[in-house]
Amino acid sequence: MVQRHFRKSISMNFFETFAVFNKTINHSDEVTRLTTLAIRHALIEKGVSHLSISVDIQKEKCDDEIIPIEGKIATISATASENVIDQAVSMINNSKRPVIVAGAGALENKEDIKELSQKISAPIVTSFRGKGIVDDNYFLHVGGHGGIGSLTAGELTDSSDLLIIIGCSCSNNTNLPNRPAIQIDIDPLVIGKKHPIDLNIMGNSGEIVPKILKKS
């Protein structure tokens, strides 16, 4: 028993080094509450949540009702000033080879992004973590960027005169080239993380992209 508890402690300490949420379910009554909290932390803190389930309760029955996620996660409302939106629209209108880079943070407004891509005739490239944001069969989606991305995505970003980066952290896995760029993100630490950005727009892309779309 002592040995099993020791192994459990080692395991939990391991996940503590990188997980934003790390708990053990010790009773069937805790399943729904802790699972909901794990999802909440993963989405809000944009990280890994880890739940460990005690061997003693893995075969127990859980009768708890599922808690709706609505009302459990705060809506982040943040947008940019009109003059910043106007600057973005001006840069887009003056570009000849714009490319949209959609990351995991663009999930909530993918339809707006698709509409923008058609309006400005811009192909959509997805980041390493953004795969699936846009359907593979969408006619302006050219695949993912990076080491395991498509050749077309790499060629188009390399020849682009403007990258419109939406909800993408620009990690080494995505490996975007240093090109004139507009970056939209809710997290200020992500903006300009790898390359200098010509126009940074901090806020919720779900509010900002529709504004750009109306003025483009």
N, C-alpha and C. Protein backbone atom coordinates (compact mmCIF):
# COMPACT_ATOMS: atom_id res chain seq x y z
N MET A 1 0.83 -1.20 0.00
CA MET A 1 0.00 0.00 0.00
C MET A 1 0.86 1.26 0.00
N VAL A 2 1.92 1.24 0.83
CA VAL A 2 2.84 2.37 0.91
C VAL A 2 3.54 2.57 -0.42
N GLN A 3 3.95 1.44 -1.03
CA GLN A 3 4.65 1.52 -2.31
C GLN A 3 3.74 2.10 -3.40
N ARG A 4 2.47 1.70 -3.42
CA ARG A 4 1.54 2.20 -4.42
C ARG A 4 1.31 3.69 -4.22
N HIS A 5 1.19 4.12 -2.96
CA HIS A 5 1.01 5.54 -2.67
C HIS A 5 2.23 6.35 -3.11
N PHE A 6 3.42 5.75 -2.94
CA PHE A 6 4.66 6.42 -3.34
C PHE A 6 4.70 6.61 -4.86
N ARG A 7 4.31 5.55 -5.61
CA ARG A 7 4.30 5.64 -7.07
C ARG A 7 3.30 6.69 -7.52
N LYS A 8 2.16 6.76 -6.85
CA LYS A 8 1.13 7.75 -7.18
C LYS A 8 1.66 9.17 -6.96
N SER A 9 2.38 9.38 -5.87
CA SER A 9 2.92 10.70 -5.57
C SER A 9 3.94 11.12 -6.61
N ILE A 10 4.79 10.18 -7.03
CA ILE A 10 5.79 10.47 -8.06
C ILE A 10 5.10 10.88 -9.35
N SER A 11 4.03 10.15 -9.72
CA SER A 11 3.29 10.44 -10.95
C SER A 11 2.66 11.82 -10.91
N MET A 12 2.02 12.17 -9.79
CA MET A 12 1.36 13.46 -9.66
C MET A 12 2.38 14.59 -9.69
N ASN A 13 3.52 14.40 -9.05
CA ASN A 13 4.57 15.42 -9.05
C ASN A 13 5.12 15.64 -10.45
N PHE A 14 5.18 14.57 -11.24
CA PHE A 14 5.66 14.69 -12.62
C PHE A 14 4.75 15.61 -13.42
N PHE A 15 3.44 15.40 -13.34
CA PHE A 15 2.49 16.21 -14.10
C PHE A 15 2.42 17.64 -13.58
N GLU A 16 2.76 17.83 -12.30
CA GLU A 16 2.72 19.16 -11.70
C GLU A 16 3.70 20.11 -12.40
N THR A 17 4.73 19.58 -13.02
CA THR A 17 5.76 20.41 -13.65
C THR A 17 5.26 21.12 -14.90
N PHE A 18 4.21 20.59 -15.55
CA PHE A 18 3.77 21.24 -16.78
C PHE A 18 2.25 21.37 -16.91
N ALA A 19 1.47 20.71 -16.08
CA ALA A 19 0.01 20.77 -16.19
C ALA A 19 -0.54 22.02 -15.50
N VAL A 20 -1.56 22.63 -16.11
CA VAL A 20 -2.21 23.78 -15.47
C VAL A 20 -3.24 23.33 -14.44
N PHE A 21 -3.60 22.05 -14.49
CA PHE A 21 -4.54 21.48 -13.53
C PHE A 21 -4.14 20.03 -13.31
N ASN A 22 -3.98 19.64 -12.06
CA ASN A 22 -3.45 18.30 -11.77
C ASN A 22 -4.09 17.79 -10.47
N LYS A 23 -5.11 16.94 -10.62
CA LYS A 23 -5.83 16.45 -9.45
C LYS A 23 -6.06 14.94 -9.56
N THR A 24 -6.39 14.35 -8.40
CA THR A 24 -6.72 12.93 -8.35
C THR A 24 -8.18 12.76 -7.96
N ILE A 25 -8.90 11.91 -8.70
CA ILE A 25 -10.28 11.58 -8.36
C ILE A 25 -10.25 10.41 -7.37
N ASN A 26 -10.62 10.69 -6.13
CA ASN A 26 -10.56 9.67 -5.09
C ASN A 26 -11.92 9.07 -4.75
N HIS A 27 -12.99 9.69 -5.30
CA HIS A 27 -14.33 9.22 -5.00
C HIS A 27 -15.22 9.47 -6.20
N SER A 28 -16.19 8.61 -6.45
CA SER A 28 -17.05 8.75 -7.62
C SER A 28 -17.83 10.06 -7.62
N ASP A 29 -18.08 10.62 -6.42
CA ASP A 29 -18.82 11.89 -6.34
C ASP A 29 -18.00 13.07 -6.87
N GLU A 30 -16.70 12.86 -7.06
CA GLU A 30 -15.84 13.96 -7.51
C GLU A 30 -15.65 13.99 -9.03
N VAL A 31 -16.14 12.97 -9.72
CA VAL A 31 -15.85 12.82 -11.15
C VAL A 31 -16.30 14.03 -11.96
N THR A 32 -17.57 14.37 -11.86
CA THR A 32 -18.11 15.46 -12.68
C THR A 32 -17.49 16.80 -12.32
N ARG A 33 -17.36 17.07 -11.03
CA ARG A 33 -16.81 18.36 -10.60
C ARG A 33 -15.37 18.55 -11.06
N LEU A 34 -14.54 17.54 -10.83
CA LEU A 34 -13.13 17.67 -11.20
C LEU A 34 -12.93 17.64 -12.71
N THR A 35 -13.74 16.86 -13.42
CA THR A 35 -13.63 16.83 -14.88
C THR A 35 -13.99 18.19 -15.46
N THR A 36 -15.04 18.80 -14.94
CA THR A 36 -15.45 20.14 -15.39
C THR A 36 -14.36 21.16 -15.11
N LEU A 37 -13.76 21.09 -13.94
CA LEU A 37 -12.67 22.01 -13.59
C LEU A 37 -11.46 21.80 -14.50
N ALA A 38 -11.18 20.55 -14.82
CA ALA A 38 -10.04 20.24 -15.69
C ALA A 38 -10.24 20.87 -17.07
N ILE A 39 -11.45 20.75 -17.62
CA ILE A 39 -11.76 21.34 -18.92
C ILE A 39 -11.67 22.86 -18.84
N ARG A 40 -12.21 23.42 -17.76
CA ARG A 40 -12.20 24.87 -17.56
C ARG A 40 -10.77 25.42 -17.57
N HIS A 41 -9.90 24.79 -16.80
CA HIS A 41 -8.51 25.26 -16.71
C HIS A 41 -7.78 25.09 -18.05
N ALA A 42 -8.01 23.98 -18.73
CA ALA A 42 -7.34 23.73 -20.01
C ALA A 42 -7.72 24.78 -21.04
N LEU A 43 -9.00 25.14 -21.09
CA LEU A 43 -9.47 26.11 -22.08
C LEU A 43 -9.05 27.54 -21.74
N ILE A 44 -9.19 27.91 -20.48
CA ILE A 44 -8.89 29.28 -20.09
C ILE A 44 -7.38 29.53 -20.04
N GLU A 45 -6.63 28.58 -19.49
CA GLU A 45 -5.19 28.77 -19.35
C GLU A 45 -4.41 28.24 -20.55
N LYS A 46 -5.15 27.64 -21.50
CA LYS A 46 -4.55 27.14 -22.75
C LYS A 46 -3.37 26.21 -22.45
N GLY A 47 -3.64 25.21 -21.63
CA GLY A 47 -2.60 24.26 -21.28
C GLY A 47 -3.15 22.86 -21.10
N VAL A 48 -2.36 22.02 -20.47
CA VAL A 48 -2.70 20.61 -20.26
C VAL A 48 -3.33 20.42 -18.89
N SER A 49 -4.46 19.72 -18.86
CA SER A 49 -5.06 19.31 -17.59
C SER A 49 -4.86 17.81 -17.41
N HIS A 50 -4.56 17.40 -16.20
CA HIS A 50 -4.33 15.98 -15.93
C HIS A 50 -5.21 15.53 -14.77
N LEU A 51 -5.91 14.43 -14.98
CA LEU A 51 -6.71 13.81 -13.92
C LEU A 51 -6.22 12.39 -13.71
N SER A 52 -5.95 12.07 -12.49
CA SER A 52 -5.58 10.70 -12.12
C SER A 52 -6.78 10.06 -11.41
N ILE A 53 -7.08 8.82 -11.75
CA ILE A 53 -8.22 8.13 -11.14
C ILE A 53 -7.72 6.98 -10.28
N SER A 54 -8.06 7.02 -9.02
CA SER A 54 -7.62 5.98 -8.10
C SER A 54 -8.12 4.60 -8.55
N VAL A 55 -7.28 3.62 -8.40
CA VAL A 55 -7.62 2.26 -8.80
C VAL A 55 -8.88 1.78 -8.07
N ASP A 56 -9.03 2.19 -6.82
CA ASP A 56 -10.14 1.73 -5.99
C ASP A 56 -11.51 2.13 -6.55
N ILE A 57 -11.56 3.22 -7.32
CA ILE A 57 -12.88 3.68 -7.76
C ILE A 57 -13.09 3.54 -9.28
N GLN A 58 -12.13 2.99 -9.99
CA GLN A 58 -12.25 2.91 -11.45
C GLN A 58 -13.43 2.07 -11.91
N LYS A 59 -13.87 1.13 -11.09
CA LYS A 59 -15.01 0.28 -11.46
C LYS A 59 -16.31 0.72 -10.81
N GLU A 60 -16.25 1.80 -10.03
CA GLU A 60 -17.47 2.27 -9.37
C GLU A 60 -18.39 2.97 -10.36
N LYS A 61 -19.66 2.98 -10.08
CA LYS A 61 -20.65 3.64 -10.92
C LYS A 61 -20.75 5.11 -10.55
N CYS A 62 -20.86 5.95 -11.56
CA CYS A 62 -21.02 7.38 -11.33
C CYS A 62 -22.39 7.81 -11.84
N ASP A 63 -23.23 8.32 -10.96
CA ASP A 63 -24.59 8.73 -11.33
C ASP A 63 -24.75 10.24 -11.43
N ASP A 64 -23.66 10.98 -11.32
CA ASP A 64 -23.75 12.44 -11.38
C ASP A 64 -24.24 12.91 -12.75
N GLU A 65 -25.01 13.98 -12.76
CA GLU A 65 -25.44 14.57 -14.01
C GLU A 65 -24.29 15.37 -14.63
N ILE A 66 -24.25 15.37 -15.96
CA ILE A 66 -23.23 16.14 -16.66
C ILE A 66 -23.51 17.63 -16.48
N ILE A 67 -22.48 18.38 -16.14
CA ILE A 67 -22.63 19.82 -15.94
C ILE A 67 -22.41 20.53 -17.27
N PRO A 68 -23.39 21.32 -17.76
CA PRO A 68 -23.20 22.06 -19.01
C PRO A 68 -22.02 23.01 -18.91
N ILE A 69 -21.21 23.07 -19.97
CA ILE A 69 -20.02 23.92 -19.92
C ILE A 69 -20.40 25.40 -19.98
N GLU A 70 -21.61 25.69 -20.59
CA GLU A 70 -22.06 27.07 -20.63
C GLU A 70 -22.26 27.60 -19.20
N GLY A 71 -21.78 28.77 -18.97
CA GLY A 71 -21.90 29.35 -17.64
C GLY A 71 -20.74 29.00 -16.73
N LYS A 72 -19.89 28.06 -17.17
CA LYS A 72 -18.73 27.67 -16.36
C LYS A 72 -17.45 28.34 -16.85
N ILE A 73 -17.49 28.88 -18.08
CA ILE A 73 -16.31 29.52 -18.63
C ILE A 73 -16.65 30.97 -18.97
N ALA A 74 -15.87 31.88 -18.44
CA ALA A 74 -16.14 33.30 -18.67
C ALA A 74 -15.89 33.66 -20.14
N THR A 75 -16.74 34.54 -20.67
CA THR A 75 -16.56 35.04 -22.02
C THR A 75 -15.57 36.19 -21.98
N ILE A 76 -14.50 36.04 -22.75
CA ILE A 76 -13.48 37.09 -22.80
C ILE A 76 -13.85 38.06 -23.92
N SER A 77 -14.23 39.26 -23.54
CA SER A 77 -14.62 40.26 -24.53
C SER A 77 -13.56 41.34 -24.58
N ALA A 78 -12.86 41.42 -25.70
CA ALA A 78 -11.83 42.44 -25.85
C ALA A 78 -11.67 42.74 -27.33
N THR A 79 -11.69 44.00 -27.67
CA THR A 79 -11.57 44.36 -29.07
C THR A 79 -10.61 45.53 -29.21
N ALA A 80 -10.34 45.92 -30.45
CA ALA A 80 -9.39 46.99 -30.72
C ALA A 80 -10.13 48.26 -31.09
N SER A 81 -9.43 49.39 -31.00
CA SER A 81 -10.03 50.67 -31.36
C SER A 81 -10.23 50.74 -32.88
N GLU A 82 -11.10 51.62 -33.31
CA GLU A 82 -11.43 51.73 -34.73
C GLU A 82 -10.23 52.14 -35.57
N ASN A 83 -9.35 52.99 -35.03
CA ASN A 83 -8.20 53.41 -35.82
C ASN A 83 -7.23 52.26 -36.08
N VAL A 84 -7.14 51.33 -35.12
CA VAL A 84 -6.29 50.15 -35.34
C VAL A 84 -6.92 49.24 -36.39
N ILE A 85 -8.24 49.09 -36.34
CA ILE A 85 -8.94 48.31 -37.36
C ILE A 85 -8.71 48.94 -38.73
N ASP A 86 -8.78 50.27 -38.81
CA ASP A 86 -8.57 50.96 -40.08
C ASP A 86 -7.15 50.73 -40.61
N GLN A 87 -6.17 50.71 -39.71
CA GLN A 87 -4.79 50.43 -40.13
C GLN A 87 -4.68 49.03 -40.72
N ALA A 88 -5.34 48.07 -40.09
CA ALA A 88 -5.31 46.69 -40.58
C ALA A 88 -5.95 46.60 -41.96
N VAL A 89 -7.08 47.26 -42.13
CA VAL A 89 -7.78 47.24 -43.41
C VAL A 89 -6.92 47.88 -44.50
N SER A 90 -6.25 48.98 -44.16
CA SER A 90 -5.38 49.66 -45.13
C SER A 90 -4.24 48.75 -45.57
N MET A 91 -3.62 48.06 -44.62
CA MET A 91 -2.52 47.15 -44.95
C MET A 91 -3.01 46.00 -45.83
N ILE A 92 -4.19 45.48 -45.52
CA ILE A 92 -4.75 44.38 -46.31
C ILE A 92 -5.07 44.84 -47.73
N ASN A 93 -5.70 46.01 -47.85
CA ASN A 93 -6.08 46.52 -49.17
C ASN A 93 -4.88 46.85 -50.03
N ASN A 94 -3.76 47.21 -49.40
CA ASN A 94 -2.55 47.57 -50.15
C ASN A 94 -1.67 46.36 -50.47
N SER A 95 -2.01 45.21 -49.91
CA SER A 95 -1.20 44.01 -50.18
C SER A 95 -1.68 43.34 -51.46
N LYS A 96 -0.76 42.65 -52.13
CA LYS A 96 -1.09 41.93 -53.37
C LYS A 96 -1.10 40.43 -53.17
N ARG A 97 -0.37 39.96 -52.14
CA ARG A 97 -0.29 38.52 -51.91
C ARG A 97 -0.49 38.21 -50.42
N PRO A 98 -1.66 38.57 -49.87
CA PRO A 98 -1.89 38.30 -48.45
C PRO A 98 -2.13 36.81 -48.19
N VAL A 99 -1.70 36.35 -47.04
CA VAL A 99 -1.95 34.97 -46.62
C VAL A 99 -2.46 35.01 -45.18
N ILE A 100 -3.53 34.29 -44.93
CA ILE A 100 -4.09 34.19 -43.57
C ILE A 100 -3.49 32.97 -42.88
N VAL A 101 -2.96 33.17 -41.68
CA VAL A 101 -2.44 32.07 -40.87
C VAL A 101 -3.37 31.89 -39.68
N ALA A 102 -4.10 30.78 -39.66
CA ALA A 102 -5.09 30.53 -38.61
C ALA A 102 -4.54 29.53 -37.60
N GLY A 103 -4.54 29.93 -36.33
CA GLY A 103 -4.08 29.04 -35.28
C GLY A 103 -5.23 28.53 -34.43
N ALA A 104 -4.88 27.84 -33.36
CA ALA A 104 -5.90 27.23 -32.49
C ALA A 104 -6.82 28.28 -31.88
N GLY A 105 -6.34 29.50 -31.72
CA GLY A 105 -7.15 30.56 -31.14
C GLY A 105 -8.20 31.11 -32.08
N ALA A 106 -8.21 30.64 -33.33
CA ALA A 106 -9.18 31.13 -34.33
C ALA A 106 -10.39 30.23 -34.44
N LEU A 107 -10.48 29.23 -33.59
CA LEU A 107 -11.54 28.23 -33.72
C LEU A 107 -12.94 28.82 -33.67
N GLU A 108 -13.17 29.79 -32.78
CA GLU A 108 -14.53 30.29 -32.56
C GLU A 108 -15.06 31.12 -33.72
N ASN A 109 -14.19 31.62 -34.59
CA ASN A 109 -14.70 32.45 -35.70
C ASN A 109 -14.14 32.00 -37.05
N LYS A 110 -14.07 30.69 -37.23
CA LYS A 110 -13.51 30.16 -38.47
C LYS A 110 -14.35 30.53 -39.69
N GLU A 111 -15.67 30.69 -39.52
CA GLU A 111 -16.52 31.07 -40.65
C GLU A 111 -16.21 32.49 -41.11
N ASP A 112 -15.96 33.40 -40.15
CA ASP A 112 -15.56 34.77 -40.50
C ASP A 112 -14.24 34.78 -41.25
N ILE A 113 -13.32 33.93 -40.82
CA ILE A 113 -12.02 33.86 -41.46
C ILE A 113 -12.13 33.33 -42.89
N LYS A 114 -12.98 32.34 -43.08
CA LYS A 114 -13.22 31.84 -44.43
C LYS A 114 -13.83 32.92 -45.31
N GLU A 115 -14.76 33.69 -44.76
CA GLU A 115 -15.37 34.77 -45.53
C GLU A 115 -14.34 35.84 -45.89
N LEU A 116 -13.47 36.17 -44.93
CA LEU A 116 -12.42 37.14 -45.18
C LEU A 116 -11.47 36.65 -46.27
N SER A 117 -11.14 35.36 -46.23
CA SER A 117 -10.22 34.81 -47.22
C SER A 117 -10.78 34.95 -48.63
N GLN A 118 -12.09 34.79 -48.78
CA GLN A 118 -12.72 34.93 -50.10
C GLN A 118 -12.75 36.40 -50.52
N LYS A 119 -13.05 37.27 -49.56
CA LYS A 119 -13.19 38.69 -49.89
C LYS A 119 -11.88 39.31 -50.34
N ILE A 120 -10.76 38.89 -49.73
CA ILE A 120 -9.47 39.49 -50.08
C ILE A 120 -8.61 38.54 -50.92
N SER A 121 -9.20 37.41 -51.33
CA SER A 121 -8.50 36.42 -52.17
C SER A 121 -7.20 35.95 -51.52
N ALA A 122 -7.30 35.55 -50.27
CA ALA A 122 -6.12 35.11 -49.51
C ALA A 122 -6.22 33.63 -49.17
N PRO A 123 -5.21 32.84 -49.48
CA PRO A 123 -5.22 31.44 -49.04
C PRO A 123 -5.10 31.37 -47.52
N ILE A 124 -5.58 30.28 -46.95
CA ILE A 124 -5.50 30.07 -45.50
C ILE A 124 -4.51 28.96 -45.21
N VAL A 125 -3.55 29.29 -44.38
CA VAL A 125 -2.56 28.32 -43.88
C VAL A 125 -2.88 28.09 -42.41
N THR A 126 -2.82 26.87 -41.95
CA THR A 126 -3.06 26.60 -40.53
C THR A 126 -1.74 26.34 -39.80
N SER A 127 -1.72 26.70 -38.53
CA SER A 127 -0.53 26.49 -37.72
C SER A 127 -0.42 25.03 -37.31
N PHE A 128 0.66 24.68 -36.63
CA PHE A 128 0.88 23.31 -36.17
C PHE A 128 -0.26 22.86 -35.26
N ARG A 129 -0.69 23.74 -34.34
CA ARG A 129 -1.78 23.42 -33.42
C ARG A 129 -3.15 23.74 -34.00
N GLY A 130 -3.17 24.42 -35.14
CA GLY A 130 -4.44 24.85 -35.71
C GLY A 130 -5.02 23.91 -36.75
N LYS A 131 -4.41 22.74 -36.91
CA LYS A 131 -4.93 21.79 -37.88
C LYS A 131 -6.38 21.43 -37.54
N GLY A 132 -7.25 21.50 -38.55
CA GLY A 132 -8.66 21.22 -38.32
C GLY A 132 -9.49 22.46 -38.13
N ILE A 133 -8.85 23.64 -37.96
CA ILE A 133 -9.59 24.89 -37.83
C ILE A 133 -10.43 25.13 -39.08
N VAL A 134 -9.80 24.86 -40.24
CA VAL A 134 -10.49 25.00 -41.52
C VAL A 134 -10.57 23.62 -42.17
N ASP A 135 -11.72 23.30 -42.73
CA ASP A 135 -11.88 22.00 -43.39
C ASP A 135 -10.84 21.81 -44.49
N ASP A 136 -10.30 20.60 -44.57
CA ASP A 136 -9.27 20.32 -45.58
C ASP A 136 -9.79 20.51 -47.00
N ASN A 137 -11.10 20.34 -47.20
CA ASN A 137 -11.65 20.46 -48.55
C ASN A 137 -12.09 21.89 -48.89
N TYR A 138 -11.86 22.85 -47.98
CA TYR A 138 -12.18 24.24 -48.30
C TYR A 138 -11.22 24.72 -49.38
N PHE A 139 -11.74 25.35 -50.42
CA PHE A 139 -10.94 25.58 -51.62
C PHE A 139 -9.78 26.56 -51.43
N LEU A 140 -9.82 27.39 -50.38
CA LEU A 140 -8.71 28.32 -50.14
C LEU A 140 -7.78 27.84 -49.02
N HIS A 141 -8.04 26.66 -48.50
CA HIS A 141 -7.14 26.10 -47.48
C HIS A 141 -6.02 25.33 -48.18
N VAL A 142 -4.78 25.72 -47.90
CA VAL A 142 -3.64 25.10 -48.59
C VAL A 142 -2.80 24.20 -47.68
N GLY A 143 -3.30 23.95 -46.48
CA GLY A 143 -2.61 23.02 -45.59
C GLY A 143 -1.90 23.69 -44.43
N GLY A 144 -1.23 22.89 -43.66
CA GLY A 144 -0.51 23.39 -42.50
C GLY A 144 0.87 23.90 -42.86
N HIS A 145 1.44 24.70 -41.97
CA HIS A 145 2.79 25.23 -42.19
C HIS A 145 3.76 24.60 -41.21
N GLY A 146 5.00 24.48 -41.63
CA GLY A 146 6.01 23.91 -40.74
C GLY A 146 6.61 22.64 -41.30
N GLY A 147 7.38 21.95 -40.46
CA GLY A 147 8.09 20.76 -40.89
C GLY A 147 7.21 19.65 -41.43
N ILE A 148 6.00 19.54 -40.88
CA ILE A 148 5.09 18.49 -41.37
C ILE A 148 3.92 19.11 -42.15
N GLY A 149 4.11 20.36 -42.60
CA GLY A 149 3.08 21.04 -43.36
C GLY A 149 3.20 20.75 -44.85
N SER A 150 2.41 21.47 -45.63
CA SER A 150 2.41 21.26 -47.09
C SER A 150 3.43 22.17 -47.77
N LEU A 151 3.92 21.73 -48.92
CA LEU A 151 4.86 22.54 -49.70
C LEU A 151 4.19 23.82 -50.18
N THR A 152 2.92 23.71 -50.54
CA THR A 152 2.19 24.88 -51.03
C THR A 152 2.10 25.96 -49.96
N ALA A 153 1.81 25.54 -48.72
CA ALA A 153 1.72 26.50 -47.62
C ALA A 153 3.05 27.23 -47.43
N GLY A 154 4.15 26.49 -47.50
CA GLY A 154 5.47 27.09 -47.36
C GLY A 154 5.79 28.06 -48.47
N GLU A 155 5.47 27.69 -49.70
CA GLU A 155 5.75 28.55 -50.85
C GLU A 155 4.93 29.85 -50.80
N LEU A 156 3.66 29.73 -50.41
CA LEU A 156 2.79 30.91 -50.38
C LEU A 156 3.18 31.89 -49.26
N THR A 157 3.54 31.37 -48.09
CA THR A 157 3.95 32.27 -47.01
C THR A 157 5.29 32.93 -47.33
N ASP A 158 6.18 32.18 -47.98
CA ASP A 158 7.49 32.74 -48.35
C ASP A 158 7.35 33.87 -49.35
N SER A 159 6.39 33.76 -50.26
CA SER A 159 6.21 34.77 -51.30
C SER A 159 5.18 35.83 -50.92
N SER A 160 4.60 35.72 -49.75
CA SER A 160 3.57 36.66 -49.32
C SER A 160 4.15 38.04 -49.02
N ASP A 161 3.33 39.07 -49.27
CA ASP A 161 3.73 40.42 -48.86
C ASP A 161 2.98 40.88 -47.62
N LEU A 162 2.12 39.98 -47.08
CA LEU A 162 1.44 40.27 -45.81
C LEU A 162 0.89 38.98 -45.20
N LEU A 163 1.29 38.71 -43.97
CA LEU A 163 0.73 37.58 -43.22
C LEU A 163 -0.29 38.14 -42.23
N ILE A 164 -1.49 37.58 -42.25
CA ILE A 164 -2.54 37.96 -41.29
C ILE A 164 -2.64 36.80 -40.30
N ILE A 165 -1.98 36.95 -39.17
CA ILE A 165 -1.83 35.86 -38.20
C ILE A 165 -2.93 35.97 -37.14
N ILE A 166 -3.79 34.95 -37.08
CA ILE A 166 -4.96 35.00 -36.20
C ILE A 166 -4.94 33.84 -35.21
N GLY A 167 -4.81 34.15 -33.93
CA GLY A 167 -4.85 33.10 -32.90
C GLY A 167 -3.74 32.10 -33.00
N CYS A 168 -2.57 32.54 -33.42
CA CYS A 168 -1.42 31.63 -33.61
C CYS A 168 -0.24 32.13 -32.81
N SER A 169 0.41 31.23 -32.06
CA SER A 169 1.54 31.62 -31.21
C SER A 169 2.85 31.66 -31.96
N CYS A 170 2.84 31.24 -33.23
CA CYS A 170 4.06 31.27 -34.07
C CYS A 170 5.20 30.47 -33.44
N SER A 171 4.91 29.25 -33.05
CA SER A 171 5.92 28.40 -32.41
C SER A 171 6.94 27.90 -33.44
N ASN A 172 7.98 27.25 -32.94
CA ASN A 172 8.99 26.68 -33.83
C ASN A 172 8.41 25.58 -34.71
N ASN A 173 7.35 24.93 -34.23
CA ASN A 173 6.71 23.88 -35.03
C ASN A 173 6.01 24.46 -36.26
N THR A 174 5.41 25.65 -36.09
CA THR A 174 4.76 26.30 -37.22
C THR A 174 5.78 26.98 -38.12
N ASN A 175 6.79 27.60 -37.51
CA ASN A 175 7.96 28.10 -38.23
C ASN A 175 7.60 29.04 -39.38
N LEU A 176 6.89 30.11 -39.07
CA LEU A 176 6.54 31.09 -40.09
C LEU A 176 7.74 31.94 -40.49
N PRO A 177 7.80 32.37 -41.75
CA PRO A 177 8.90 33.25 -42.17
C PRO A 177 8.69 34.66 -41.66
N ASN A 178 9.75 35.45 -41.65
CA ASN A 178 9.66 36.84 -41.22
C ASN A 178 9.19 37.68 -42.40
N ARG A 179 7.91 38.02 -42.39
CA ARG A 179 7.29 38.80 -43.46
C ARG A 179 6.46 39.92 -42.83
N PRO A 180 6.12 40.97 -43.61
CA PRO A 180 5.20 41.98 -43.08
C PRO A 180 3.98 41.28 -42.51
N ALA A 181 3.54 41.69 -41.32
CA ALA A 181 2.49 40.91 -40.65
C ALA A 181 1.57 41.74 -39.78
N ILE A 182 0.31 41.29 -39.74
CA ILE A 182 -0.68 41.73 -38.76
C ILE A 182 -0.92 40.54 -37.86
N GLN A 183 -0.86 40.73 -36.55
CA GLN A 183 -1.12 39.61 -35.64
C GLN A 183 -2.25 39.97 -34.69
N ILE A 184 -3.24 39.07 -34.62
CA ILE A 184 -4.40 39.25 -33.76
C ILE A 184 -4.39 38.15 -32.70
N ASP A 185 -4.37 38.53 -31.42
CA ASP A 185 -4.37 37.52 -30.37
C ASP A 185 -4.84 38.14 -29.06
N ILE A 186 -5.46 37.31 -28.24
CA ILE A 186 -5.95 37.74 -26.93
C ILE A 186 -4.83 37.79 -25.90
N ASP A 187 -3.72 37.09 -26.18
CA ASP A 187 -2.61 36.98 -25.24
C ASP A 187 -1.47 37.91 -25.67
N PRO A 188 -1.17 38.95 -24.91
CA PRO A 188 -0.11 39.88 -25.31
C PRO A 188 1.27 39.25 -25.37
N LEU A 189 1.50 38.16 -24.62
CA LEU A 189 2.80 37.50 -24.64
C LEU A 189 3.05 36.76 -25.94
N VAL A 190 1.99 36.46 -26.67
CA VAL A 190 2.12 35.74 -27.94
C VAL A 190 2.49 36.68 -29.08
N ILE A 191 2.03 37.92 -29.00
CA ILE A 191 2.24 38.87 -30.09
C ILE A 191 3.71 39.26 -30.20
N GLY A 192 4.26 39.07 -31.40
CA GLY A 192 5.67 39.38 -31.63
C GLY A 192 6.62 38.43 -30.95
N LYS A 193 6.15 37.24 -30.62
CA LYS A 193 6.95 36.28 -29.86
C LYS A 193 8.20 35.84 -30.62
N LYS A 194 8.07 35.68 -31.94
CA LYS A 194 9.19 35.17 -32.72
C LYS A 194 9.76 36.21 -33.67
N HIS A 195 8.89 36.98 -34.32
CA HIS A 195 9.31 38.01 -35.27
C HIS A 195 8.68 39.34 -34.89
N PRO A 196 9.31 40.46 -35.26
CA PRO A 196 8.65 41.75 -35.09
C PRO A 196 7.36 41.79 -35.92
N ILE A 197 6.31 42.40 -35.38
CA ILE A 197 5.02 42.48 -36.05
C ILE A 197 4.75 43.93 -36.45
N ASP A 198 4.34 44.14 -37.70
CA ASP A 198 4.09 45.49 -38.19
C ASP A 198 2.86 46.12 -37.53
N LEU A 199 1.83 45.32 -37.31
CA LEU A 199 0.64 45.81 -36.62
C LEU A 199 0.13 44.72 -35.68
N ASN A 200 0.20 44.99 -34.38
CA ASN A 200 -0.32 44.01 -33.42
C ASN A 200 -1.68 44.48 -32.91
N ILE A 201 -2.62 43.53 -32.90
CA ILE A 201 -3.98 43.82 -32.44
C ILE A 201 -4.31 42.86 -31.31
N MET A 202 -4.34 43.38 -30.09
CA MET A 202 -4.64 42.53 -28.96
C MET A 202 -6.13 42.52 -28.70
N GLY A 203 -6.73 41.33 -28.68
CA GLY A 203 -8.14 41.22 -28.42
C GLY A 203 -8.70 39.90 -28.91
N ASN A 204 -9.99 39.75 -28.76
CA ASN A 204 -10.67 38.53 -29.15
C ASN A 204 -10.88 38.55 -30.67
N SER A 205 -10.32 37.57 -31.36
CA SER A 205 -10.43 37.53 -32.82
C SER A 205 -11.88 37.42 -33.26
N GLY A 206 -12.73 36.85 -32.40
CA GLY A 206 -14.15 36.73 -32.72
C GLY A 206 -14.84 38.08 -32.83
N GLU A 207 -14.25 39.13 -32.24
CA GLU A 207 -14.79 40.47 -32.34
C GLU A 207 -14.04 41.30 -33.38
N ILE A 208 -12.75 41.03 -33.51
CA ILE A 208 -11.91 41.85 -34.38
C ILE A 208 -12.05 41.49 -35.86
N VAL A 209 -12.04 40.20 -36.18
CA VAL A 209 -12.11 39.78 -37.58
C VAL A 209 -13.40 40.26 -38.26
N PRO A 210 -14.57 40.16 -37.62
CA PRO A 210 -15.78 40.69 -38.26
C PRO A 210 -15.69 42.19 -38.57
N LYS A 211 -15.01 42.96 -37.71
CA LYS A 211 -14.84 44.39 -37.96
C LYS A 211 -13.96 44.64 -39.17
N ILE A 212 -12.89 43.85 -39.28
CA ILE A 212 -12.01 43.97 -40.45
C ILE A 212 -12.77 43.55 -41.71
N LEU A 213 -13.55 42.52 -41.57
CA LEU A 213 -14.31 42.00 -42.71
C LEU A 213 -15.28 43.05 -43.24
N LYS A 214 -15.92 43.80 -42.36
CA LYS A 214 -16.89 44.80 -42.79
C LYS A 214 -16.24 45.95 -43.55
N LYS A 215 -14.99 46.26 -43.17
CA LYS A 215 -14.32 47.43 -43.76
C LYS A 215 -13.40 47.09 -44.92
N SER A 216 -13.14 45.81 -45.12
CA SER A 216 -12.19 45.42 -46.18
C SER A 216 -12.82 45.58 -47.56
